[in-house]
Amino acid sequence: MTKVIHVHLMQGRKNYYFGSIPAIYSVLTADDIGIKQSSLERVGLSKGGVVLNKKAVIQAGELIRAKIAQKEGV
């Protein structure tokens, strides 16, 4: 499974999907989402934690992919 972090910004109702916490801060600022990177890393998103504040909802999940049959001879 692939980890995905969903960031929903309240202002403008925009959604972003990231592969890691540092990736969030390469696009958005702590002011944009209402939490510093160090604080977000301590929350424990991978253990089902959710951050909800006036600026954003941040939660982690797993990307579910369809199983593809492997081709023979490839």
N, C-alpha and C. Protein backbone atom coordinates (compact mmCIF):
# COMPACT_ATOMS: atom_id res chain seq x y z
N MET A 1 0.83 -1.19 0.00
CA MET A 1 0.00 0.00 0.00
C MET A 1 0.88 1.25 0.00
N THR A 2 0.38 2.28 -0.61
CA THR A 2 1.08 3.55 -0.68
C THR A 2 0.40 4.55 0.25
N LYS A 3 1.20 5.19 1.11
CA LYS A 3 0.67 6.18 2.04
C LYS A 3 0.34 7.46 1.29
N VAL A 4 -0.79 8.08 1.63
CA VAL A 4 -1.21 9.34 1.04
C VAL A 4 -1.67 10.25 2.18
N ILE A 5 -1.25 11.51 2.14
CA ILE A 5 -1.71 12.48 3.12
C ILE A 5 -2.61 13.47 2.40
N HIS A 6 -3.84 13.55 2.86
CA HIS A 6 -4.84 14.43 2.26
C HIS A 6 -4.91 15.71 3.08
N VAL A 7 -4.77 16.84 2.41
CA VAL A 7 -4.87 18.15 3.04
C VAL A 7 -6.05 18.87 2.39
N HIS A 8 -7.06 19.18 3.20
CA HIS A 8 -8.22 19.93 2.72
C HIS A 8 -8.16 21.32 3.33
N LEU A 9 -7.97 22.32 2.49
CA LEU A 9 -7.94 23.70 2.97
C LEU A 9 -9.36 24.24 3.06
N MET A 10 -9.70 24.79 4.21
CA MET A 10 -11.05 25.34 4.42
C MET A 10 -11.28 26.55 3.52
N GLN A 11 -10.29 27.44 3.45
CA GLN A 11 -10.39 28.63 2.61
C GLN A 11 -10.24 28.21 1.15
N GLY A 12 -11.25 28.40 0.35
CA GLY A 12 -11.19 28.02 -1.05
C GLY A 12 -11.53 26.58 -1.32
N ARG A 13 -11.71 25.81 -0.26
CA ARG A 13 -12.09 24.39 -0.37
C ARG A 13 -11.23 23.62 -1.36
N LYS A 14 -9.92 23.75 -1.22
CA LYS A 14 -8.99 23.05 -2.09
C LYS A 14 -8.50 21.77 -1.41
N ASN A 15 -8.22 20.76 -2.23
CA ASN A 15 -7.71 19.49 -1.75
C ASN A 15 -6.36 19.21 -2.38
N TYR A 16 -5.45 18.71 -1.56
CA TYR A 16 -4.12 18.33 -2.01
C TYR A 16 -3.82 16.93 -1.48
N TYR A 17 -3.01 16.18 -2.21
CA TYR A 17 -2.63 14.83 -1.82
C TYR A 17 -1.12 14.72 -1.91
N PHE A 18 -0.49 14.28 -0.82
CA PHE A 18 0.96 14.24 -0.73
C PHE A 18 1.43 12.85 -0.30
N GLY A 19 2.69 12.55 -0.63
CA GLY A 19 3.29 11.28 -0.24
C GLY A 19 4.04 11.33 1.07
N SER A 20 4.26 12.53 1.61
CA SER A 20 4.98 12.67 2.87
C SER A 20 4.69 14.03 3.49
N ILE A 21 5.00 14.17 4.76
CA ILE A 21 4.82 15.45 5.44
C ILE A 21 5.75 16.52 4.85
N PRO A 22 7.04 16.23 4.61
CA PRO A 22 7.89 17.26 4.00
C PRO A 22 7.37 17.74 2.63
N ALA A 23 6.73 16.85 1.89
CA ALA A 23 6.17 17.24 0.59
C ALA A 23 5.08 18.30 0.74
N ILE A 24 4.33 18.24 1.84
CA ILE A 24 3.29 19.24 2.09
C ILE A 24 3.91 20.63 2.12
N TYR A 25 5.03 20.73 2.85
CA TYR A 25 5.67 22.03 3.06
C TYR A 25 6.50 22.49 1.86
N SER A 26 6.61 21.65 0.84
CA SER A 26 7.24 22.09 -0.40
C SER A 26 6.25 22.85 -1.28
N VAL A 27 4.95 22.73 -0.95
CA VAL A 27 3.89 23.38 -1.71
C VAL A 27 3.14 24.42 -0.87
N LEU A 28 2.85 24.05 0.38
CA LEU A 28 2.09 24.91 1.28
C LEU A 28 2.96 25.37 2.44
N THR A 29 2.57 26.46 3.07
CA THR A 29 3.30 26.94 4.24
C THR A 29 2.56 26.56 5.52
N ALA A 30 3.27 26.70 6.64
CA ALA A 30 2.65 26.45 7.94
C ALA A 30 1.47 27.40 8.15
N ASP A 31 1.57 28.60 7.63
CA ASP A 31 0.48 29.56 7.74
C ASP A 31 -0.73 29.12 6.90
N ASP A 32 -0.47 28.50 5.75
CA ASP A 32 -1.56 28.02 4.90
C ASP A 32 -2.41 26.96 5.60
N ILE A 33 -1.74 26.06 6.33
CA ILE A 33 -2.46 24.92 6.91
C ILE A 33 -2.63 25.01 8.42
N GLY A 34 -2.04 26.00 9.05
CA GLY A 34 -2.26 26.23 10.46
C GLY A 34 -1.49 25.35 11.41
N ILE A 35 -0.40 24.72 10.95
CA ILE A 35 0.41 23.88 11.81
C ILE A 35 1.83 23.79 11.24
N LYS A 36 2.81 23.83 12.14
CA LYS A 36 4.21 23.71 11.72
C LYS A 36 4.54 22.25 11.40
N GLN A 37 5.56 22.06 10.57
CA GLN A 37 5.97 20.72 10.17
C GLN A 37 6.33 19.86 11.39
N SER A 38 7.08 20.41 12.31
CA SER A 38 7.50 19.63 13.48
C SER A 38 6.30 19.18 14.31
N SER A 39 5.29 20.02 14.42
CA SER A 39 4.08 19.65 15.17
C SER A 39 3.30 18.58 14.43
N LEU A 40 3.19 18.71 13.12
CA LEU A 40 2.46 17.73 12.32
C LEU A 40 3.14 16.37 12.39
N GLU A 41 4.46 16.35 12.40
CA GLU A 41 5.19 15.08 12.49
C GLU A 41 4.95 14.38 13.83
N ARG A 42 4.67 15.14 14.89
CA ARG A 42 4.42 14.55 16.21
C ARG A 42 3.00 14.03 16.39
N VAL A 43 2.08 14.45 15.54
CA VAL A 43 0.68 14.07 15.69
C VAL A 43 0.46 12.57 15.52
N GLY A 44 1.22 11.94 14.66
CA GLY A 44 1.05 10.51 14.42
C GLY A 44 -0.02 10.23 13.38
N LEU A 45 0.07 10.89 12.25
CA LEU A 45 -0.90 10.68 11.19
C LEU A 45 -0.95 9.23 10.73
N SER A 46 0.19 8.56 10.73
CA SER A 46 0.22 7.18 10.24
C SER A 46 -0.54 6.24 11.17
N LYS A 47 -0.83 6.67 12.38
CA LYS A 47 -1.58 5.85 13.33
C LYS A 47 -3.04 6.25 13.39
N GLY A 48 -3.53 6.88 12.35
CA GLY A 48 -4.93 7.27 12.28
C GLY A 48 -5.23 8.64 12.83
N GLY A 49 -4.20 9.41 13.15
CA GLY A 49 -4.41 10.75 13.67
C GLY A 49 -4.96 11.68 12.60
N VAL A 50 -5.72 12.66 13.03
CA VAL A 50 -6.29 13.66 12.14
C VAL A 50 -6.03 15.03 12.76
N VAL A 51 -5.63 15.98 11.92
CA VAL A 51 -5.47 17.36 12.36
C VAL A 51 -6.64 18.14 11.81
N LEU A 52 -7.35 18.81 12.69
CA LEU A 52 -8.47 19.64 12.31
C LEU A 52 -8.31 20.99 13.00
N ASN A 53 -8.19 22.03 12.20
CA ASN A 53 -8.11 23.38 12.76
C ASN A 53 -8.91 24.32 11.87
N LYS A 54 -8.83 25.61 12.12
CA LYS A 54 -9.62 26.58 11.36
C LYS A 54 -9.19 26.66 9.89
N LYS A 55 -7.97 26.23 9.59
CA LYS A 55 -7.44 26.38 8.24
C LYS A 55 -7.48 25.10 7.40
N ALA A 56 -7.39 23.93 8.05
CA ALA A 56 -7.27 22.70 7.26
C ALA A 56 -7.70 21.46 8.03
N VAL A 57 -7.99 20.43 7.26
CA VAL A 57 -8.16 19.07 7.77
C VAL A 57 -7.05 18.26 7.12
N ILE A 58 -6.25 17.59 7.94
CA ILE A 58 -5.11 16.82 7.43
C ILE A 58 -5.23 15.41 7.97
N GLN A 59 -5.22 14.43 7.08
CA GLN A 59 -5.30 13.04 7.52
C GLN A 59 -4.55 12.14 6.54
N ALA A 60 -4.08 11.04 7.06
CA ALA A 60 -3.33 10.09 6.24
C ALA A 60 -4.21 8.89 5.94
N GLY A 61 -3.93 8.28 4.82
CA GLY A 61 -4.64 7.07 4.42
C GLY A 61 -3.76 6.25 3.50
N GLU A 62 -4.33 5.17 3.01
CA GLU A 62 -3.60 4.31 2.09
C GLU A 62 -4.28 4.32 0.74
N LEU A 63 -3.48 4.42 -0.29
CA LEU A 63 -3.98 4.38 -1.65
C LEU A 63 -4.27 2.93 -2.01
N ILE A 64 -5.49 2.67 -2.42
CA ILE A 64 -5.88 1.30 -2.79
C ILE A 64 -5.83 1.19 -4.31
N ARG A 65 -5.11 0.20 -4.76
CA ARG A 65 -4.96 -0.02 -6.20
C ARG A 65 -5.56 -1.36 -6.58
N ALA A 66 -6.03 -1.44 -7.80
CA ALA A 66 -6.55 -2.70 -8.32
C ALA A 66 -5.39 -3.65 -8.55
N LYS A 67 -5.62 -4.91 -8.31
CA LYS A 67 -4.60 -5.92 -8.60
C LYS A 67 -4.66 -6.22 -10.09
N ILE A 68 -3.49 -6.19 -10.72
CA ILE A 68 -3.40 -6.45 -12.15
C ILE A 68 -2.73 -7.79 -12.36
N ALA A 69 -3.35 -8.62 -13.17
CA ALA A 69 -2.77 -9.93 -13.47
C ALA A 69 -1.47 -9.75 -14.22
N GLN A 70 -0.45 -10.51 -13.81
CA GLN A 70 0.85 -10.42 -14.48
C GLN A 70 0.81 -11.18 -15.80
N LYS A 71 1.42 -10.57 -16.82
CA LYS A 71 1.48 -11.21 -18.13
C LYS A 71 2.61 -12.23 -18.14
N GLU A 72 2.37 -13.36 -18.78
CA GLU A 72 3.41 -14.38 -18.88
C GLU A 72 4.41 -14.01 -19.99
N GLY A 73 5.66 -14.30 -19.76
CA GLY A 73 6.67 -14.09 -20.77
C GLY A 73 7.13 -12.64 -20.89
N VAL A 74 6.79 -11.81 -19.94
CA VAL A 74 7.22 -10.40 -20.02
C VAL A 74 8.30 -10.15 -19.02
